[in-house]
């Protein structure tokens, strides 16, 4: 079985369910996800790691995206992790770029009520 093909098909499904896959298949899919990331297919790898609930890889990709200034990708990678520090850092960067709605989404994703209030009062 070509896991690259399976990975791409799963990404393209509207509501995929990977819970039926055995752990070995999940590992193979995640290996494909990492190959996608290394090959420059960032959003595809984010989708795959989101499907497999691999928060560690999502954080790793999100941190890389933050460093590279790929803020939209960073948000998509980090939103499911609920990582307070990284989502707050991203939200602050978005505020500095006048992307207030995107910043609000970051603060909502990590339930940072303090920063949500700050946004409401100041922007």
C-alpha atoms as a PDB file:
ATOM      1  CA  UNK A   1       0.000   0.000   0.000  1.00  0.00           C
ATOM      2  CA  UNK A   2       1.310   3.413  -0.910  1.00  0.00           C
ATOM      3  CA  UNK A   3       0.912   5.548   2.175  1.00  0.00           C
ATOM      4  CA  UNK A   4       1.660   8.670   0.157  1.00  0.00           C
ATOM      5  CA  UNK A   5      -1.505   8.033  -1.854  1.00  0.00           C
ATOM      6  CA  UNK A   6      -3.520   7.178   1.252  1.00  0.00           C
ATOM      7  CA  UNK A   7      -2.279  10.336   2.967  1.00  0.00           C
ATOM      8  CA  UNK A   8      -3.242  12.520   0.012  1.00  0.00           C
ATOM      9  CA  UNK A   9      -6.669  10.903  -0.250  1.00  0.00           C
ATOM     10  CA  UNK A  10      -7.336  11.411   3.454  1.00  0.00           C
ATOM     11  CA  UNK A  11      -6.375  15.071   3.184  1.00  0.00           C
ATOM     12  CA  UNK A  12      -8.822  15.542   0.317  1.00  0.00           C
ATOM     13  CA  UNK A  13     -11.792  13.909   2.066  1.00  0.00           C
ATOM     14  CA  UNK A  14     -14.323  16.284   3.582  1.00  0.00           C
ATOM     15  CA  UNK A  15     -14.697  14.380   6.856  1.00  0.00           C
ATOM     16  CA  UNK A  16     -12.062  11.643   7.145  1.00  0.00           C
ATOM     17  CA  UNK A  17     -12.039   9.189  10.046  1.00  0.00           C
ATOM     18  CA  UNK A  18      -8.645   7.718  10.927  1.00  0.00           C
ATOM     19  CA  UNK A  19      -9.825   6.072  14.139  1.00  0.00           C
ATOM     20  CA  UNK A  20     -10.337   2.797  12.284  1.00  0.00           C
ATOM     21  CA  UNK A  21      -6.661   2.611  11.297  1.00  0.00           C
ATOM     22  CA  UNK A  22      -4.256   0.540  13.364  1.00  0.00           C
ATOM     23  CA  UNK A  23      -1.348   2.287  15.121  1.00  0.00           C
ATOM     24  CA  UNK A  24       1.155   1.050  12.535  1.00  0.00           C
ATOM     25  CA  UNK A  25      -0.797   2.706   9.746  1.00  0.00           C
ATOM     26  CA  UNK A  26      -0.983   5.940  11.726  1.00  0.00           C
ATOM     27  CA  UNK A  27       2.820   5.885  12.096  1.00  0.00           C
ATOM     28  CA  UNK A  28       3.214   5.402   8.333  1.00  0.00           C
ATOM     29  CA  UNK A  29       0.796   8.250   7.626  1.00  0.00           C
ATOM     30  CA  UNK A  30       2.716  10.497   9.987  1.00  0.00           C
ATOM     31  CA  UNK A  31       5.972   9.587   8.258  1.00  0.00           C
ATOM     32  CA  UNK A  32       4.331  10.714   5.012  1.00  0.00           C
ATOM     33  CA  UNK A  33       3.187  13.890   6.762  1.00  0.00           C
ATOM     34  CA  UNK A  34       6.746  14.685   7.745  1.00  0.00           C
ATOM     35  CA  UNK A  35       7.944  14.021   4.179  1.00  0.00           C
ATOM     36  CA  UNK A  36       5.252  16.421   2.959  1.00  0.00           C
ATOM     37  CA  UNK A  37       6.444  19.073   5.384  1.00  0.00           C
ATOM     38  CA  UNK A  38      10.077  18.618   4.389  1.00  0.00           C
ATOM     39  CA  UNK A  39       9.006  18.782   0.732  1.00  0.00           C
ATOM     40  CA  UNK A  40       7.340  22.142   1.220  1.00  0.00           C
ATOM     41  CA  UNK A  41       3.747  20.906   1.431  1.00  0.00           C
ATOM     42  CA  UNK A  42       3.162  22.636   4.745  1.00  0.00           C
ATOM     43  CA  UNK A  43      -0.626  22.929   4.745  1.00  0.00           C
ATOM     44  CA  UNK A  44      -1.008  19.304   3.652  1.00  0.00           C
ATOM     45  CA  UNK A  45       1.247  18.125   6.468  1.00  0.00           C
ATOM     46  CA  UNK A  46      -0.728  20.245   8.950  1.00  0.00           C
ATOM     47  CA  UNK A  47      -3.961  18.646   7.757  1.00  0.00           C
ATOM     48  CA  UNK A  48      -2.498  15.166   8.102  1.00  0.00           C
ATOM     49  CA  UNK A  49      -1.078  15.728  11.588  1.00  0.00           C
ATOM     50  CA  UNK A  50      -4.383  17.267  12.621  1.00  0.00           C
ATOM     51  CA  UNK A  51      -6.158  14.112  11.428  1.00  0.00           C
ATOM     52  CA  UNK A  52      -3.808  11.883  13.406  1.00  0.00           C
ATOM     53  CA  UNK A  53      -3.926  14.221  16.448  1.00  0.00           C
ATOM     54  CA  UNK A  54      -0.139  14.504  16.579  1.00  0.00           C
ATOM     55  CA  UNK A  55       0.122  17.630  18.706  1.00  0.00           C
ATOM     56  CA  UNK A  56       3.905  17.378  18.984  1.00  0.00           C
ATOM     57  CA  UNK A  57       4.361  17.629  15.204  1.00  0.00           C
ATOM     58  CA  UNK A  58       1.759  20.393  14.984  1.00  0.00           C
ATOM     59  CA  UNK A  59       3.683  22.418  17.564  1.00  0.00           C
ATOM     60  CA  UNK A  60       6.978  21.773  15.757  1.00  0.00           C
ATOM     61  CA  UNK A  61       5.503  22.928  12.447  1.00  0.00           C
ATOM     62  CA  UNK A  62       3.804  25.891  14.132  1.00  0.00           C
ATOM     63  CA  UNK A  63       7.077  27.020  15.702  1.00  0.00           C
ATOM     64  CA  UNK A  64       8.831  26.756  12.351  1.00  0.00           C
ATOM     65  CA  UNK A  65       6.059  28.731  10.653  1.00  0.00           C
ATOM     66  CA  UNK A  66       6.335  31.449  13.307  1.00  0.00           C
ATOM     67  CA  UNK A  67      10.092  31.729  12.762  1.00  0.00           C
ATOM     68  CA  UNK A  68       9.631  31.860   8.986  1.00  0.00           C
ATOM     69  CA  UNK A  69       6.867  34.459   9.190  1.00  0.00           C
ATOM     70  CA  UNK A  70       4.258  32.103   7.731  1.00  0.00           C
ATOM     71  CA  UNK A  71       1.645  33.297  10.178  1.00  0.00           C
ATOM     72  CA  UNK A  72      -1.439  31.820   8.506  1.00  0.00           C
ATOM     73  CA  UNK A  73       0.200  28.394   8.418  1.00  0.00           C
ATOM     74  CA  UNK A  74       1.294  28.856  12.026  1.00  0.00           C
ATOM     75  CA  UNK A  75      -2.305  29.512  13.039  1.00  0.00           C
ATOM     76  CA  UNK A  76      -3.610  26.441  11.223  1.00  0.00           C
ATOM     77  CA  UNK A  77      -0.912  24.317  12.803  1.00  0.00           C
ATOM     78  CA  UNK A  78      -1.342  25.629  16.334  1.00  0.00           C
ATOM     79  CA  UNK A  79      -5.087  26.200  16.671  1.00  0.00           C
ATOM     80  CA  UNK A  80      -5.847  22.600  17.625  1.00  0.00           C
ATOM     81  CA  UNK A  81      -2.992  22.390  20.114  1.00  0.00           C
ATOM     82  CA  UNK A  82      -4.457  25.079  22.402  1.00  0.00           C
ATOM     83  CA  UNK A  83      -0.828  25.993  23.219  1.00  0.00           C
ATOM     84  CA  UNK A  84      -1.227  29.190  25.240  1.00  0.00           C
ATOM     85  CA  UNK A  85       2.305  30.516  24.742  1.00  0.00           C
ATOM     86  CA  UNK A  86       2.621  29.906  21.016  1.00  0.00           C
ATOM     87  CA  UNK A  87      -0.892  31.068  20.140  1.00  0.00           C
ATOM     88  CA  UNK A  88      -0.443  34.188  22.266  1.00  0.00           C
ATOM     89  CA  UNK A  89       2.919  34.924  20.607  1.00  0.00           C
ATOM     90  CA  UNK A  90       1.292  34.478  17.213  1.00  0.00           C
ATOM     91  CA  UNK A  91      -1.650  36.681  18.183  1.00  0.00           C
ATOM     92  CA  UNK A  92       0.697  39.459  19.302  1.00  0.00           C
ATOM     93  CA  UNK A  93       2.568  39.281  15.991  1.00  0.00           C
ATOM     94  CA  UNK A  94      -0.735  39.488  14.156  1.00  0.00           C
ATOM     95  CA  UNK A  95      -1.711  42.569  16.176  1.00  0.00           C
ATOM     96  CA  UNK A  96       1.569  44.203  15.140  1.00  0.00           C
ATOM     97  CA  UNK A  97       0.572  43.556  11.514  1.00  0.00           C
ATOM     98  CA  UNK A  98      -2.933  44.995  12.081  1.00  0.00           C
ATOM     99  CA  UNK A  99      -4.571  41.593  11.561  1.00  0.00           C
ATOM    100  CA  UNK A 100      -6.909  41.932  14.504  1.00  0.00           C
ATOM    101  CA  UNK A 101      -9.474  39.290  13.526  1.00  0.00           C
ATOM    102  CA  UNK A 102      -6.727  36.710  13.013  1.00  0.00           C
ATOM    103  CA  UNK A 103      -5.247  37.678  16.381  1.00  0.00           C
ATOM    104  CA  UNK A 104      -8.670  37.266  17.982  1.00  0.00           C
ATOM    105  CA  UNK A 105      -8.891  33.766  16.484  1.00  0.00           C
ATOM    106  CA  UNK A 106      -5.542  32.896  18.079  1.00  0.00           C
ATOM    107  CA  UNK A 107      -6.593  34.144  21.497  1.00  0.00           C
ATOM    108  CA  UNK A 108      -9.917  32.325  21.233  1.00  0.00           C
ATOM    109  CA  UNK A 109      -8.152  29.082  20.253  1.00  0.00           C
ATOM    110  CA  UNK A 110      -6.104  29.139  23.472  1.00  0.00           C
ATOM    111  CA  UNK A 111      -8.879  30.700  25.584  1.00  0.00           C
ATOM    112  CA  UNK A 112      -6.718  33.711  26.465  1.00  0.00           C
ATOM    113  CA  UNK A 113      -9.410  35.918  27.954  1.00  0.00           C
ATOM    114  CA  UNK A 114      -6.919  38.602  28.999  1.00  0.00           C
ATOM    115  CA  UNK A 115      -5.721  39.190  25.437  1.00  0.00           C
ATOM    116  CA  UNK A 116      -9.276  38.999  24.077  1.00  0.00           C
ATOM    117  CA  UNK A 117     -10.246  41.771  26.481  1.00  0.00           C
ATOM    118  CA  UNK A 118      -7.153  43.754  25.457  1.00  0.00           C
ATOM    119  CA  UNK A 119      -8.184  43.487  21.809  1.00  0.00           C
ATOM    120  CA  UNK A 120     -11.748  44.488  22.578  1.00  0.00           C
ATOM    121  CA  UNK A 121     -10.676  47.581  24.507  1.00  0.00           C
ATOM    122  CA  UNK A 122      -7.924  48.752  22.153  1.00  0.00           C
ATOM    123  CA  UNK A 123      -8.863  47.717  18.654  1.00  0.00           C
END
